Each structure stands twice: as C-alpha cells, then as structure tokens.
Amino acid sequence: MTENVNSKPYDLADRTFLFTTQVVAFTKTLPRTISNVEFVKQLIRSAGSVGANYIEANEALSKKDFTMRIKICRKESKESHYWLRLLEGNGAEFDLGRDALAKETIELMKIFNAIIEKSK
C-alpha cells in the first residue's frame, strides 16, 4: 500500500476501509450508555457504507451510476460525522479519538465532493 507524508493511503478504497476499522476500534472504547449504544449502531453502519459504496462506484455500469454511488459515499461520510458528534465519552483520549475520526469524515467529504465535481 502506497502512503503519503501524513501516513494516509493514496488508494481511496484502502482509506475508506481503514476509516471503518478505526471507527469500529473507537466504538469499542466507549461507555455503554443507552444513547451511545444506539449511536454506535448508526455510526458503524454509515462508516461501513462509505467504503462499500466506494467499491460499488468502482464497479459502476455507467457514469451516472458512478456519480450516484460517490454521492452516497459523501452522504454517508456526513452521516458518520453527525453520529460522532452525538457520542458521549470520558476524557481527553475520547475527545482526541473522536476528533480524529470527525476530521477524517470531513476530508472524505471533500474528496468525494471533488470527485463529483470532476465527474460533471
């Protein structure tokens, strides 16, 4: 796997896979409150959907299909960001983990937005 200076994969399929695995690892550290349990379910679904839809986009049957799948990737990134904001945790380590994942969702949204703009 090729990596850049910031240790983030150039390959977007690898990057979205890594994002999902990091989300899963992060959620295992959270306190089990009623709200967190529900938010975690939604977060894992949306984070996993980012990568799954990117894979689908790469196998698109048409340009229109490709663009729609990338738009879904962007939408699921936004949703992941939302669920991350709702999670409750304890302490600075939680905040750092959540903030890093939230930053990645924003970067992914920007990447998918650029792909959409270039596809027009």
N, C-alpha and C. Protein backbone atom coordinates (compact mmCIF):
# COMPACT_ATOMS: atom_id res chain seq x y z
N MET A 1 0.84 -1.17 0.00
CA MET A 1 0.00 0.00 0.00
C MET A 1 0.88 1.24 0.00
N THR A 2 0.62 2.13 -0.90
CA THR A 2 1.38 3.37 -1.02
C THR A 2 0.83 4.39 -0.03
N GLU A 3 1.72 5.13 0.63
CA GLU A 3 1.27 6.11 1.60
C GLU A 3 1.94 7.44 1.35
N ASN A 4 1.26 8.52 1.77
CA ASN A 4 1.82 9.84 1.62
C ASN A 4 2.50 10.27 2.92
N VAL A 5 2.91 11.51 3.00
CA VAL A 5 3.63 12.03 4.17
C VAL A 5 2.80 11.92 5.44
N ASN A 6 1.49 12.09 5.36
CA ASN A 6 0.62 12.05 6.53
C ASN A 6 0.20 10.63 6.90
N SER A 7 0.82 9.62 6.30
CA SER A 7 0.52 8.22 6.54
C SER A 7 -0.92 7.86 6.22
N LYS A 8 -1.52 8.52 5.26
CA LYS A 8 -2.85 8.19 4.81
C LYS A 8 -2.74 7.54 3.44
N PRO A 9 -3.46 6.44 3.26
CA PRO A 9 -3.36 5.74 1.97
C PRO A 9 -3.81 6.61 0.81
N TYR A 10 -3.06 6.51 -0.31
CA TYR A 10 -3.47 7.18 -1.53
C TYR A 10 -4.71 6.50 -2.10
N ASP A 11 -4.76 5.18 -2.00
CA ASP A 11 -5.87 4.41 -2.52
C ASP A 11 -7.10 4.68 -1.66
N LEU A 12 -8.13 5.22 -2.27
CA LEU A 12 -9.32 5.60 -1.52
C LEU A 12 -10.05 4.37 -0.98
N ALA A 13 -9.99 3.25 -1.66
CA ALA A 13 -10.60 2.02 -1.14
C ALA A 13 -9.91 1.61 0.16
N ASP A 14 -8.59 1.70 0.19
CA ASP A 14 -7.85 1.39 1.42
C ASP A 14 -8.17 2.41 2.52
N ARG A 15 -8.25 3.65 2.13
CA ARG A 15 -8.52 4.71 3.11
C ARG A 15 -9.91 4.56 3.74
N THR A 16 -10.90 4.24 2.93
CA THR A 16 -12.25 4.07 3.48
C THR A 16 -12.33 2.81 4.34
N PHE A 17 -11.60 1.76 3.95
CA PHE A 17 -11.54 0.55 4.77
C PHE A 17 -10.89 0.86 6.12
N LEU A 18 -9.78 1.58 6.09
CA LEU A 18 -9.08 1.97 7.31
C LEU A 18 -9.99 2.82 8.20
N PHE A 19 -10.72 3.73 7.60
CA PHE A 19 -11.65 4.57 8.36
C PHE A 19 -12.67 3.70 9.10
N THR A 20 -13.24 2.74 8.41
CA THR A 20 -14.24 1.87 9.04
C THR A 20 -13.63 1.07 10.18
N THR A 21 -12.44 0.52 9.98
CA THR A 21 -11.81 -0.25 11.05
C THR A 21 -11.46 0.62 12.25
N GLN A 22 -11.06 1.86 11.99
CA GLN A 22 -10.78 2.79 13.09
C GLN A 22 -12.05 3.15 13.85
N VAL A 23 -13.15 3.31 13.14
CA VAL A 23 -14.43 3.60 13.79
C VAL A 23 -14.82 2.43 14.70
N VAL A 24 -14.70 1.22 14.20
CA VAL A 24 -15.05 0.04 14.99
C VAL A 24 -14.18 -0.04 16.25
N ALA A 25 -12.88 0.17 16.09
CA ALA A 25 -11.97 0.14 17.24
C ALA A 25 -12.33 1.23 18.24
N PHE A 26 -12.64 2.42 17.75
CA PHE A 26 -13.01 3.54 18.62
C PHE A 26 -14.28 3.22 19.39
N THR A 27 -15.27 2.66 18.74
CA THR A 27 -16.55 2.40 19.41
C THR A 27 -16.42 1.37 20.52
N LYS A 28 -15.43 0.51 20.42
CA LYS A 28 -15.22 -0.50 21.47
C LYS A 28 -14.74 0.13 22.78
N THR A 29 -14.24 1.36 22.71
CA THR A 29 -13.72 2.02 23.91
C THR A 29 -14.78 2.88 24.61
N LEU A 30 -15.95 3.01 24.02
CA LEU A 30 -16.97 3.92 24.54
C LEU A 30 -17.73 3.32 25.71
N PRO A 31 -18.17 4.19 26.63
CA PRO A 31 -19.05 3.72 27.70
C PRO A 31 -20.39 3.25 27.13
N ARG A 32 -20.96 2.23 27.72
CA ARG A 32 -22.20 1.64 27.21
C ARG A 32 -23.42 2.33 27.82
N THR A 33 -23.68 3.54 27.36
CA THR A 33 -24.91 4.23 27.77
C THR A 33 -26.00 3.90 26.76
N ILE A 34 -27.24 4.14 27.13
CA ILE A 34 -28.36 3.85 26.24
C ILE A 34 -28.20 4.61 24.92
N SER A 35 -27.85 5.87 25.01
CA SER A 35 -27.71 6.66 23.78
C SER A 35 -26.51 6.21 22.97
N ASN A 36 -25.39 5.94 23.62
CA ASN A 36 -24.20 5.51 22.88
C ASN A 36 -24.44 4.22 22.12
N VAL A 37 -25.17 3.29 22.71
CA VAL A 37 -25.42 2.01 22.04
C VAL A 37 -26.14 2.26 20.72
N GLU A 38 -27.14 3.10 20.73
CA GLU A 38 -27.88 3.40 19.51
C GLU A 38 -27.05 4.20 18.51
N PHE A 39 -26.32 5.18 19.01
CA PHE A 39 -25.49 6.00 18.12
C PHE A 39 -24.38 5.16 17.48
N VAL A 40 -23.79 4.25 18.25
CA VAL A 40 -22.72 3.39 17.73
C VAL A 40 -23.24 2.52 16.60
N LYS A 41 -24.44 1.97 16.76
CA LYS A 41 -25.02 1.15 15.68
C LYS A 41 -25.11 1.96 14.39
N GLN A 42 -25.60 3.18 14.50
CA GLN A 42 -25.76 4.03 13.33
C GLN A 42 -24.41 4.43 12.75
N LEU A 43 -23.46 4.74 13.63
CA LEU A 43 -22.13 5.14 13.19
C LEU A 43 -21.44 4.02 12.42
N ILE A 44 -21.50 2.82 12.94
CA ILE A 44 -20.84 1.69 12.27
C ILE A 44 -21.49 1.43 10.92
N ARG A 45 -22.81 1.55 10.85
CA ARG A 45 -23.49 1.36 9.56
C ARG A 45 -23.06 2.41 8.54
N SER A 46 -23.06 3.66 8.95
CA SER A 46 -22.72 4.73 8.00
C SER A 46 -21.24 4.69 7.61
N ALA A 47 -20.37 4.40 8.57
CA ALA A 47 -18.93 4.33 8.27
C ALA A 47 -18.64 3.17 7.32
N GLY A 48 -19.27 2.04 7.55
CA GLY A 48 -19.08 0.90 6.66
C GLY A 48 -19.64 1.15 5.27
N SER A 49 -20.71 1.92 5.21
CA SER A 49 -21.35 2.22 3.94
C SER A 49 -20.47 3.11 3.06
N VAL A 50 -19.64 3.92 3.65
CA VAL A 50 -18.73 4.79 2.88
C VAL A 50 -17.86 3.92 1.98
N GLY A 51 -17.17 2.96 2.58
CA GLY A 51 -16.29 2.10 1.81
C GLY A 51 -17.02 1.16 0.87
N ALA A 52 -18.14 0.62 1.31
CA ALA A 52 -18.91 -0.30 0.48
C ALA A 52 -19.41 0.40 -0.78
N ASN A 53 -19.89 1.62 -0.63
CA ASN A 53 -20.38 2.34 -1.80
C ASN A 53 -19.24 2.80 -2.70
N TYR A 54 -18.07 3.05 -2.13
CA TYR A 54 -16.93 3.39 -2.98
C TYR A 54 -16.54 2.19 -3.85
N ILE A 55 -16.56 1.01 -3.27
CA ILE A 55 -16.29 -0.20 -4.06
C ILE A 55 -17.33 -0.35 -5.16
N GLU A 56 -18.59 -0.12 -4.82
CA GLU A 56 -19.66 -0.18 -5.82
C GLU A 56 -19.44 0.86 -6.92
N ALA A 57 -18.99 2.04 -6.55
CA ALA A 57 -18.74 3.09 -7.55
C ALA A 57 -17.67 2.65 -8.54
N ASN A 58 -16.66 1.97 -8.04
CA ASN A 58 -15.59 1.50 -8.93
C ASN A 58 -16.07 0.43 -9.90
N GLU A 59 -17.18 -0.19 -9.60
CA GLU A 59 -17.75 -1.21 -10.48
C GLU A 59 -19.00 -0.69 -11.20
N ALA A 60 -19.16 0.61 -11.24
CA ALA A 60 -20.36 1.21 -11.83
C ALA A 60 -20.52 0.84 -13.29
N LEU A 61 -21.78 0.74 -13.69
CA LEU A 61 -22.11 0.37 -15.06
C LEU A 61 -22.16 1.58 -15.99
N SER A 62 -22.26 2.77 -15.40
CA SER A 62 -22.32 3.98 -16.21
C SER A 62 -21.75 5.14 -15.40
N LYS A 63 -21.54 6.25 -16.08
CA LYS A 63 -21.06 7.45 -15.40
C LYS A 63 -22.10 7.95 -14.39
N LYS A 64 -23.36 7.86 -14.76
CA LYS A 64 -24.44 8.28 -13.87
C LYS A 64 -24.46 7.40 -12.60
N ASP A 65 -24.29 6.11 -12.77
CA ASP A 65 -24.24 5.18 -11.64
C ASP A 65 -23.04 5.50 -10.75
N PHE A 66 -21.89 5.75 -11.37
CA PHE A 66 -20.68 6.10 -10.62
C PHE A 66 -20.92 7.35 -9.78
N THR A 67 -21.46 8.38 -10.41
CA THR A 67 -21.69 9.64 -9.70
C THR A 67 -22.66 9.45 -8.54
N MET A 68 -23.71 8.67 -8.75
CA MET A 68 -24.68 8.43 -7.68
C MET A 68 -24.03 7.71 -6.50
N ARG A 69 -23.20 6.72 -6.77
CA ARG A 69 -22.52 5.99 -5.69
C ARG A 69 -21.56 6.90 -4.91
N ILE A 70 -20.87 7.76 -5.63
CA ILE A 70 -19.96 8.69 -4.95
C ILE A 70 -20.77 9.68 -4.10
N LYS A 71 -21.92 10.10 -4.59
CA LYS A 71 -22.78 10.97 -3.79
C LYS A 71 -23.25 10.27 -2.52
N ILE A 72 -23.52 8.98 -2.63
CA ILE A 72 -23.89 8.21 -1.44
C ILE A 72 -22.71 8.14 -0.47
N CYS A 73 -21.50 7.97 -1.00
CA CYS A 73 -20.30 7.98 -0.15
C CYS A 73 -20.20 9.30 0.62
N ARG A 74 -20.42 10.40 -0.08
CA ARG A 74 -20.37 11.72 0.56
C ARG A 74 -21.45 11.84 1.63
N LYS A 75 -22.64 11.38 1.31
CA LYS A 75 -23.76 11.43 2.25
C LYS A 75 -23.47 10.60 3.50
N GLU A 76 -22.92 9.41 3.31
CA GLU A 76 -22.62 8.54 4.45
C GLU A 76 -21.46 9.11 5.29
N SER A 77 -20.54 9.81 4.66
CA SER A 77 -19.48 10.48 5.41
C SER A 77 -20.07 11.57 6.30
N LYS A 78 -21.01 12.34 5.73
CA LYS A 78 -21.68 13.38 6.52
C LYS A 78 -22.43 12.76 7.68
N GLU A 79 -23.11 11.65 7.42
CA GLU A 79 -23.86 10.99 8.48
C GLU A 79 -22.93 10.47 9.57
N SER A 80 -21.80 9.91 9.18
CA SER A 80 -20.83 9.43 10.17
C SER A 80 -20.36 10.57 11.05
N HIS A 81 -20.12 11.72 10.43
CA HIS A 81 -19.71 12.90 11.18
C HIS A 81 -20.78 13.27 12.21
N TYR A 82 -22.02 13.21 11.82
CA TYR A 82 -23.15 13.53 12.71
C TYR A 82 -23.17 12.60 13.92
N TRP A 83 -23.07 11.29 13.68
CA TRP A 83 -23.11 10.34 14.79
C TRP A 83 -21.91 10.50 15.71
N LEU A 84 -20.77 10.80 15.17
CA LEU A 84 -19.59 11.04 16.00
C LEU A 84 -19.81 12.22 16.94
N ARG A 85 -20.46 13.26 16.44
CA ARG A 85 -20.73 14.44 17.26
C ARG A 85 -21.68 14.12 18.42
N LEU A 86 -22.55 13.14 18.24
CA LEU A 86 -23.54 12.81 19.27
C LEU A 86 -23.02 11.89 20.37
N LEU A 87 -21.92 11.21 20.12
CA LEU A 87 -21.40 10.25 21.09
C LEU A 87 -20.89 10.93 22.35
N GLU A 88 -21.10 10.25 23.47
CA GLU A 88 -20.63 10.73 24.76
C GLU A 88 -19.47 9.86 25.21
N GLY A 89 -18.44 10.48 25.77
CA GLY A 89 -17.29 9.71 26.25
C GLY A 89 -16.69 10.35 27.46
N ASN A 90 -15.59 9.79 27.87
CA ASN A 90 -14.92 10.26 29.08
C ASN A 90 -13.49 10.68 28.76
N GLY A 91 -13.19 11.95 28.99
CA GLY A 91 -11.81 12.40 28.99
C GLY A 91 -11.21 12.80 27.67
N ALA A 92 -9.95 13.20 27.77
CA ALA A 92 -9.21 13.75 26.64
C ALA A 92 -8.93 12.71 25.57
N GLU A 93 -8.67 11.46 25.97
CA GLU A 93 -8.38 10.41 24.99
C GLU A 93 -9.60 10.19 24.09
N PHE A 94 -10.77 10.19 24.68
CA PHE A 94 -12.00 10.07 23.90
C PHE A 94 -12.11 11.22 22.91
N ASP A 95 -11.90 12.43 23.40
CA ASP A 95 -12.02 13.62 22.54
C ASP A 95 -11.04 13.56 21.37
N LEU A 96 -9.80 13.13 21.63
CA LEU A 96 -8.81 13.02 20.56
C LEU A 96 -9.22 11.99 19.51
N GLY A 97 -9.70 10.85 19.97
CA GLY A 97 -10.14 9.81 19.04
C GLY A 97 -11.32 10.25 18.21
N ARG A 98 -12.31 10.85 18.87
CA ARG A 98 -13.49 11.31 18.16
C ARG A 98 -13.13 12.43 17.20
N ASP A 99 -12.30 13.36 17.62
CA ASP A 99 -11.92 14.48 16.77
C ASP A 99 -11.14 14.02 15.54
N ALA A 100 -10.27 13.02 15.72
CA ALA A 100 -9.50 12.50 14.58
C ALA A 100 -10.44 11.84 13.56
N LEU A 101 -11.41 11.08 14.04
CA LEU A 101 -12.37 10.45 13.14
C LEU A 101 -13.27 11.48 12.47
N ALA A 102 -13.67 12.49 13.23
CA ALA A 102 -14.50 13.55 12.65
C ALA A 102 -13.73 14.30 11.57
N LYS A 103 -12.46 14.53 11.80
CA LYS A 103 -11.62 15.20 10.79
C LYS A 103 -11.54 14.35 9.53
N GLU A 104 -11.42 13.04 9.71
CA GLU A 104 -11.35 12.15 8.55
C GLU A 104 -12.67 12.18 7.77
N THR A 105 -13.80 12.26 8.46
CA THR A 105 -15.08 12.33 7.73
C THR A 105 -15.14 13.60 6.88
N ILE A 106 -14.63 14.68 7.41
CA ILE A 106 -14.63 15.94 6.66
C ILE A 106 -13.71 15.82 5.44
N GLU A 107 -12.53 15.23 5.62
CA GLU A 107 -11.61 15.04 4.49
C GLU A 107 -12.24 14.13 3.43
N LEU A 108 -12.91 13.07 3.86
CA LEU A 108 -13.56 12.18 2.90
C LEU A 108 -14.67 12.91 2.15
N MET A 109 -15.45 13.73 2.86
CA MET A 109 -16.50 14.52 2.19
C MET A 109 -15.90 15.41 1.11
N LYS A 110 -14.79 16.04 1.42
CA LYS A 110 -14.14 16.92 0.44
C LYS A 110 -13.62 16.13 -0.75
N ILE A 111 -13.06 14.97 -0.50
CA ILE A 111 -12.56 14.13 -1.59
C ILE A 111 -13.72 13.71 -2.49
N PHE A 112 -14.80 13.23 -1.88
CA PHE A 112 -15.94 12.78 -2.68
C PHE A 112 -16.58 13.95 -3.42
N ASN A 113 -16.60 15.11 -2.80
CA ASN A 113 -17.14 16.29 -3.48
C ASN A 113 -16.29 16.66 -4.70
N ALA A 114 -14.98 16.56 -4.57
CA ALA A 114 -14.09 16.86 -5.70
C ALA A 114 -14.31 15.84 -6.83
N ILE A 115 -14.50 14.58 -6.47
CA ILE A 115 -14.77 13.56 -7.49
C ILE A 115 -16.07 13.87 -8.21
N ILE A 116 -17.08 14.26 -7.45
CA ILE A 116 -18.38 14.60 -8.06
C ILE A 116 -18.24 15.78 -9.02
N GLU A 117 -17.51 16.81 -8.59
CA GLU A 117 -17.33 17.99 -9.44
C GLU A 117 -16.58 17.65 -10.71
N LYS A 118 -15.57 16.80 -10.62
CA LYS A 118 -14.79 16.41 -11.79
C LYS A 118 -15.57 15.48 -12.71
N SER A 119 -16.58 14.83 -12.18
CA SER A 119 -17.39 13.89 -12.99
C SER A 119 -18.43 14.60 -13.84
N LYS A 120 -18.64 15.88 -13.57
CA LYS A 120 -19.69 16.61 -14.31
C LYS A 120 -19.28 16.88 -15.73
